[in-house]
Amino acid sequence: MASPSSVWRAPVDALPRHARSDAYVASIGADEPLHPDFGSGLDDGRPFGIPVTVTDGNVPEAEVAFDYADESDPSGYRIPDDARVENGPTSDGDRHVVVFDRARCRSYELFDAHLLGSGRWHAGSGAVFDLRSTALRPDGWTSADAAGLPILPLLVRYDEVASGAVQHALRITVPRSDRSHVWPARHDAGAADDPDLPPMGLRLRLKQSVDTSALPPQAKVVAEALKRYGAVVADNGSAWFVSGDQDARWDNEQLAALKTFKGSDFEAVDTSALRIDPDSSAARTP
């Protein structure tokens, strides 16, 4: 789902703590619980998590019209008419659509996506990601996420949790962010110029001192990933909401154990030593 050299796959457990860590954590919510924003079944009558539609390269290119066309890729979206929409086809939330084109190793991602007719979609914004590439979007461009980053490589996916290890950073949301972004983010959507608010692209990690030994298997794999690879601030939303795929095999009771952790169990990370090129997601080995 991402180049082996990308920053998403770079461990951050040994990197220095960010100088503004306490302020960032406090602004997100030191007493707010960690929340897995994914699982099985229905929540308030709707599926939850970000569904991933997988195709094998035979889908024709769809026509997509955008509200933010000047920051969206204009073409190249091979999205089937039956692509799943976040929280269901009648939802009124972010309505993300994520399609993994396995043959081309690409991810087609839309925000606020609505099917208009066969082969025709309307969305707020969107992006096409070559998952083999480390090129970032033009600086200042959004994607299907406020940070201008891909969604798919940062999702917790059931299959990798079942294998026993998540080997990449995760996607996380915060209530308010600063009007700035840091590498590898390309865009921001902050409410204020406030240095105590986290910028888009900030990396957060679960502290090494946090005891995960008693967690049930699914929760433990996620928690260990948050220790080793951390989470990237990718959008504004609820505090400490970690994104994962929509899958009937999730055990919601196991995942609920993650809610025993809270914001004060996290710290911000200084990832500046990882950066090689500001326009690339390629990272140095820490």
Protein backbone atom coordinates (compact mmCIF):
# COMPACT_ATOMS: atom_id res chain seq x y z
CA MET A 1 0.00 0.00 0.00
CA ALA A 2 3.06 2.30 0.14
CA SER A 3 6.67 2.36 -0.97
CA PRO A 4 8.97 0.64 1.56
CA SER A 5 11.01 3.87 1.69
CA SER A 6 8.02 6.10 2.49
CA VAL A 7 7.63 8.01 5.71
CA TRP A 8 4.47 6.00 6.49
CA ARG A 9 6.68 2.94 7.01
CA ALA A 10 9.34 4.75 9.05
CA PRO A 11 9.41 3.80 12.76
CA VAL A 12 9.21 6.80 15.07
CA ASP A 13 9.56 5.08 18.44
CA ALA A 14 13.19 6.22 18.81
CA LEU A 15 12.77 9.77 17.48
CA PRO A 16 12.88 12.76 19.85
CA ARG A 17 9.78 14.10 21.50
CA HIS A 18 8.52 17.32 19.92
CA ALA A 19 9.25 20.49 21.90
CA ARG A 20 5.56 21.49 21.77
CA SER A 21 4.22 18.04 22.61
CA ASP A 22 2.43 19.01 25.83
CA ALA A 23 0.67 21.95 24.17
CA TYR A 24 -0.45 19.85 21.21
CA VAL A 25 -1.80 17.04 23.38
CA ALA A 26 -3.62 19.50 25.64
CA SER A 27 -5.29 21.20 22.67
CA ILE A 28 -6.43 17.87 21.22
CA GLY A 29 -7.67 16.73 24.63
CA ALA A 30 -5.43 15.18 27.27
CA ASP A 31 -8.43 13.56 28.99
CA GLU A 32 -10.21 12.48 25.81
CA PRO A 33 -10.18 8.73 25.07
CA LEU A 34 -8.57 7.09 22.07
CA HIS A 35 -11.33 5.94 19.73
CA PRO A 36 -11.22 3.30 16.98
CA ASP A 37 -13.41 4.83 14.27
CA PHE A 38 -13.97 1.47 12.59
CA GLY A 39 -15.47 -1.90 13.32
CA SER A 40 -18.09 -4.42 12.27
CA GLY A 41 -21.85 -4.18 12.04
CA LEU A 42 -23.76 -0.90 12.33
CA ASP A 43 -23.39 2.24 14.43
CA ASP A 44 -26.62 4.27 14.65
CA GLY A 45 -27.92 2.15 11.81
CA ARG A 46 -24.97 2.76 9.49
CA PRO A 47 -21.76 0.88 8.73
CA PHE A 48 -18.67 2.55 10.11
CA GLY A 49 -15.05 2.73 9.12
CA ILE A 50 -13.76 3.75 5.68
CA PRO A 51 -14.61 1.03 3.17
CA VAL A 52 -12.04 0.06 0.56
CA THR A 53 -13.34 -1.08 -2.82
CA VAL A 54 -10.82 -3.35 -4.59
CA THR A 55 -10.68 -3.60 -8.38
CA ASP A 56 -8.42 -5.47 -10.80
CA GLY A 57 -7.90 -2.87 -13.50
CA ASN A 58 -10.91 -3.57 -15.72
CA VAL A 59 -12.99 -0.59 -14.58
CA PRO A 60 -13.35 2.21 -17.16
CA GLU A 61 -12.40 5.73 -16.16
CA ALA A 62 -15.21 7.64 -14.47
CA GLU A 63 -16.03 11.30 -14.98
CA VAL A 64 -15.73 13.22 -11.68
CA ALA A 65 -16.76 16.85 -11.12
CA PHE A 66 -15.26 18.64 -8.10
CA ASP A 67 -16.14 21.55 -5.83
CA TYR A 68 -12.39 22.14 -5.34
CA ALA A 69 -11.30 21.37 -8.87
CA ASP A 70 -8.20 23.60 -8.68
CA GLU A 71 -6.68 21.31 -6.02
CA SER A 72 -8.00 17.96 -7.29
CA ASP A 73 -6.59 15.63 -9.92
CA PRO A 74 -8.89 16.20 -12.93
CA SER A 75 -8.91 12.65 -14.33
CA GLY A 76 -7.69 9.08 -13.98
CA TYR A 77 -10.36 7.84 -11.56
CA ARG A 78 -11.31 4.24 -12.38
CA ILE A 79 -14.16 4.11 -9.88
CA PRO A 80 -16.96 1.56 -10.33
CA ASP A 81 -20.58 2.59 -9.93
CA ASP A 82 -20.91 0.24 -6.95
CA ALA A 83 -17.92 1.66 -5.04
CA ARG A 84 -18.75 1.74 -1.35
CA VAL A 85 -19.31 5.10 0.35
CA GLU A 86 -18.23 5.79 3.93
CA ASN A 87 -21.16 5.27 6.35
CA GLY A 88 -23.38 4.04 3.53
CA PRO A 89 -24.92 5.52 0.37
CA THR A 90 -27.38 7.76 2.26
CA SER A 91 -24.87 9.16 4.76
CA ASP A 92 -24.38 12.88 5.32
CA GLY A 93 -20.83 12.73 6.72
CA ASP A 94 -17.48 12.85 4.93
CA ARG A 95 -18.64 10.25 2.41
CA HIS A 96 -15.13 9.10 1.49
CA VAL A 97 -14.76 6.72 -1.43
CA VAL A 98 -11.48 4.79 -1.60
CA VAL A 99 -10.79 2.42 -4.50
CA PHE A 100 -7.65 0.27 -4.60
CA ASP A 101 -6.75 -0.61 -8.20
CA ARG A 102 -4.68 -3.71 -7.57
CA ALA A 103 -3.52 -4.06 -11.20
CA ARG A 104 -2.19 -0.49 -11.43
CA CYS A 105 -1.20 -0.18 -7.75
CA ARG A 106 -3.19 3.04 -7.47
CA SER A 107 -5.63 4.47 -4.99
CA TYR A 108 -8.52 6.63 -6.22
CA GLU A 109 -9.85 8.71 -3.35
CA LEU A 110 -12.84 11.08 -3.14
CA PHE A 111 -14.28 13.28 -0.39
CA ASP A 112 -18.03 13.94 -0.23
CA ALA A 113 -18.62 11.57 -3.13
CA HIS A 114 -22.02 11.18 -4.82
CA LEU A 115 -22.86 8.94 -7.77
CA LEU A 116 -24.73 10.99 -10.40
CA GLY A 117 -25.24 8.22 -12.94
CA SER A 118 -23.32 5.40 -14.56
CA GLY A 119 -19.67 6.43 -14.75
CA ARG A 120 -20.38 9.90 -13.32
CA TRP A 121 -19.54 11.16 -9.82
CA HIS A 122 -19.52 14.49 -8.00
CA ALA A 123 -17.14 15.10 -5.09
CA GLY A 124 -15.79 17.87 -2.92
CA SER A 125 -12.20 16.95 -3.73
CA GLY A 126 -10.18 13.99 -4.88
CA ALA A 127 -6.79 12.57 -5.73
CA VAL A 128 -5.18 9.70 -7.61
CA PHE A 129 -2.20 8.13 -5.84
CA ASP A 130 0.42 5.89 -7.42
CA LEU A 131 1.23 3.77 -4.39
CA ARG A 132 4.67 2.87 -5.77
CA SER A 133 5.71 6.51 -5.90
CA THR A 134 7.05 8.73 -3.13
CA ALA A 135 6.02 11.97 -4.88
CA LEU A 136 3.79 14.23 -2.80
CA ARG A 137 0.99 16.41 -4.13
CA PRO A 138 1.79 20.03 -5.06
CA ASP A 139 2.26 22.04 -1.88
CA GLY A 140 -1.03 23.72 -0.97
CA TRP A 141 -3.22 21.06 -2.61
CA THR A 142 -5.78 19.08 -0.67
CA SER A 143 -6.72 15.47 -1.48
CA ALA A 144 -9.69 13.54 -0.10
CA ASP A 145 -8.20 14.54 3.27
CA ALA A 146 -7.54 18.00 4.69
CA ALA A 147 -3.81 17.28 4.96
CA GLY A 148 -3.47 16.50 1.24
CA LEU A 149 -2.32 12.98 2.06
CA PRO A 150 -3.47 9.56 0.84
CA ILE A 151 -6.01 7.76 3.00
CA LEU A 152 -5.44 4.13 2.00
CA PRO A 153 -1.83 3.70 3.22
CA LEU A 154 -2.80 5.08 6.66
CA LEU A 155 -5.87 2.95 7.34
CA VAL A 156 -5.86 0.14 9.88
CA ARG A 157 -6.91 -2.86 7.79
CA TYR A 158 -8.33 -6.06 9.22
CA ASP A 159 -6.08 -8.38 7.21
CA GLU A 160 -2.88 -6.84 8.56
CA VAL A 161 -4.18 -6.89 12.15
CA ALA A 162 -5.09 -10.55 11.69
CA SER A 163 -1.53 -11.20 10.49
CA GLY A 164 -0.23 -9.88 13.81
CA ALA A 165 1.40 -6.57 12.82
CA VAL A 166 0.54 -3.19 11.34
CA GLN A 167 3.75 -1.88 9.79
CA HIS A 168 2.87 1.72 9.00
CA ALA A 169 1.59 4.94 10.53
CA LEU A 170 -2.14 5.41 11.07
CA ARG A 171 -4.58 8.19 10.24
CA ILE A 172 -5.97 10.27 13.11
CA THR A 173 -8.28 13.27 13.46
CA VAL A 174 -8.21 16.22 15.87
CA PRO A 175 -10.95 18.72 16.81
CA ARG A 176 -9.01 21.85 15.83
CA SER A 177 -5.78 22.37 13.96
CA ASP A 178 -3.44 25.24 13.28
CA ARG A 179 -3.47 27.04 9.93
CA SER A 180 -0.25 25.33 8.94
CA HIS A 181 1.07 21.99 7.77
CA VAL A 182 4.34 20.16 8.24
CA TRP A 183 6.02 17.59 6.04
CA PRO A 184 4.71 15.33 4.63
CA ALA A 185 1.32 17.11 4.68
CA ARG A 186 0.58 19.45 1.76
CA HIS A 187 -2.51 21.30 2.93
CA ASP A 188 -4.18 22.63 6.06
CA ALA A 189 -7.70 23.55 7.10
CA GLY A 190 -7.11 25.06 10.51
CA ALA A 191 -9.49 27.29 12.42
CA ALA A 192 -6.89 29.63 13.91
CA ASP A 193 -3.28 30.78 13.82
CA ASP A 194 -2.42 29.18 17.14
CA PRO A 195 0.96 27.50 17.73
CA ASP A 196 -0.58 25.35 20.46
CA LEU A 197 -2.86 23.66 17.93
CA PRO A 198 -1.45 20.71 15.98
CA PRO A 199 -0.54 21.33 12.34
CA MET A 200 -1.67 18.93 9.64
CA GLY A 201 0.96 16.22 9.16
CA LEU A 202 2.00 16.14 12.83
CA ARG A 203 3.08 12.67 13.99
CA LEU A 204 1.79 11.45 17.36
CA ARG A 205 2.77 8.22 19.09
CA LEU A 206 1.61 6.18 22.03
CA LYS A 207 4.20 6.48 24.80
CA GLN A 208 6.53 3.55 25.31
CA SER A 209 5.63 3.55 29.01
CA VAL A 210 2.00 2.64 28.24
CA ASP A 211 1.27 -0.98 29.17
CA THR A 212 -0.42 -2.87 26.32
CA SER A 213 0.19 -6.40 27.62
CA ALA A 214 -3.38 -7.03 28.81
CA LEU A 215 -5.12 -5.87 25.63
CA PRO A 216 -7.09 -8.36 23.54
CA PRO A 217 -5.37 -9.37 20.27
CA GLN A 218 -6.91 -6.90 17.81
CA ALA A 219 -6.51 -3.92 20.13
CA LYS A 220 -2.95 -4.91 21.01
CA VAL A 221 -1.80 -4.97 17.38
CA VAL A 222 -3.23 -1.47 16.83
CA ALA A 223 -1.69 -0.13 20.05
CA GLU A 224 1.74 -1.54 19.20
CA ALA A 225 1.55 0.15 15.80
CA LEU A 226 0.75 3.43 17.52
CA LYS A 227 3.87 3.00 19.62
CA ARG A 228 6.24 2.09 16.79
CA TYR A 229 4.85 4.04 13.80
CA GLY A 230 2.49 6.54 15.41
CA ALA A 231 -0.39 8.37 13.78
CA VAL A 232 -0.51 11.29 11.35
CA VAL A 233 -2.87 14.24 11.87
CA ALA A 234 -4.82 14.04 8.61
CA ASP A 235 -8.12 15.85 9.13
CA ASN A 236 -10.29 17.82 11.53
CA GLY A 237 -12.84 15.72 13.38
CA SER A 238 -13.32 14.11 16.77
CA ALA A 239 -10.40 13.89 19.18
CA TRP A 240 -8.10 10.87 18.86
CA PHE A 241 -10.26 9.08 16.29
CA VAL A 242 -8.13 6.48 14.48
CA SER A 243 -9.34 5.41 11.02
CA GLY A 244 -9.66 1.85 9.84
CA ASP A 245 -11.40 -0.12 7.14
CA GLN A 246 -14.98 -1.33 7.24
CA ASP A 247 -14.92 -5.09 7.73
CA ALA A 248 -17.41 -7.58 9.16
CA ARG A 249 -14.56 -9.52 10.80
CA TRP A 250 -13.65 -6.82 13.32
CA ASP A 251 -14.41 -7.72 16.93
CA ASN A 252 -15.89 -4.53 18.38
CA GLU A 253 -15.43 -5.68 21.97
CA GLN A 254 -11.72 -6.20 21.39
CA LEU A 255 -11.34 -2.83 19.66
CA ALA A 256 -13.20 -1.09 22.50
CA ALA A 257 -10.23 -1.84 24.78
CA LEU A 258 -8.35 0.93 22.95
CA LYS A 259 -10.67 3.42 24.64
CA THR A 260 -8.89 2.79 27.94
CA PHE A 261 -6.08 5.02 26.64
CA LYS A 262 -6.46 8.78 26.54
CA GLY A 263 -4.68 11.78 25.10
CA SER A 264 -2.18 12.04 27.93
CA ASP A 265 -0.87 8.62 26.89
CA PHE A 266 0.38 10.19 23.65
CA GLU A 267 3.20 12.53 22.72
CA ALA A 268 4.10 14.45 19.58
CA VAL A 269 7.20 13.42 17.65
CA ASP A 270 9.86 15.53 15.92
CA THR A 271 10.18 13.80 12.53
CA SER A 272 12.38 16.44 10.88
CA ALA A 273 15.36 14.05 10.79
CA LEU A 274 13.42 11.74 8.46
CA ARG A 275 12.95 14.27 5.67
CA ILE A 276 15.11 13.94 2.58
CA ASP A 277 13.20 16.13 0.11
CA PRO A 278 10.24 18.36 1.02
CA ASP A 279 8.38 17.21 -2.11
CA SER A 280 8.85 13.50 -1.44
CA SER A 281 7.48 11.09 1.13
CA ALA A 282 10.75 9.14 1.05
CA ALA A 283 12.28 9.01 4.51
CA ARG A 284 15.69 8.40 6.00
CA THR A 285 16.14 5.30 8.11
CA PRO A 286 15.92 6.51 11.72
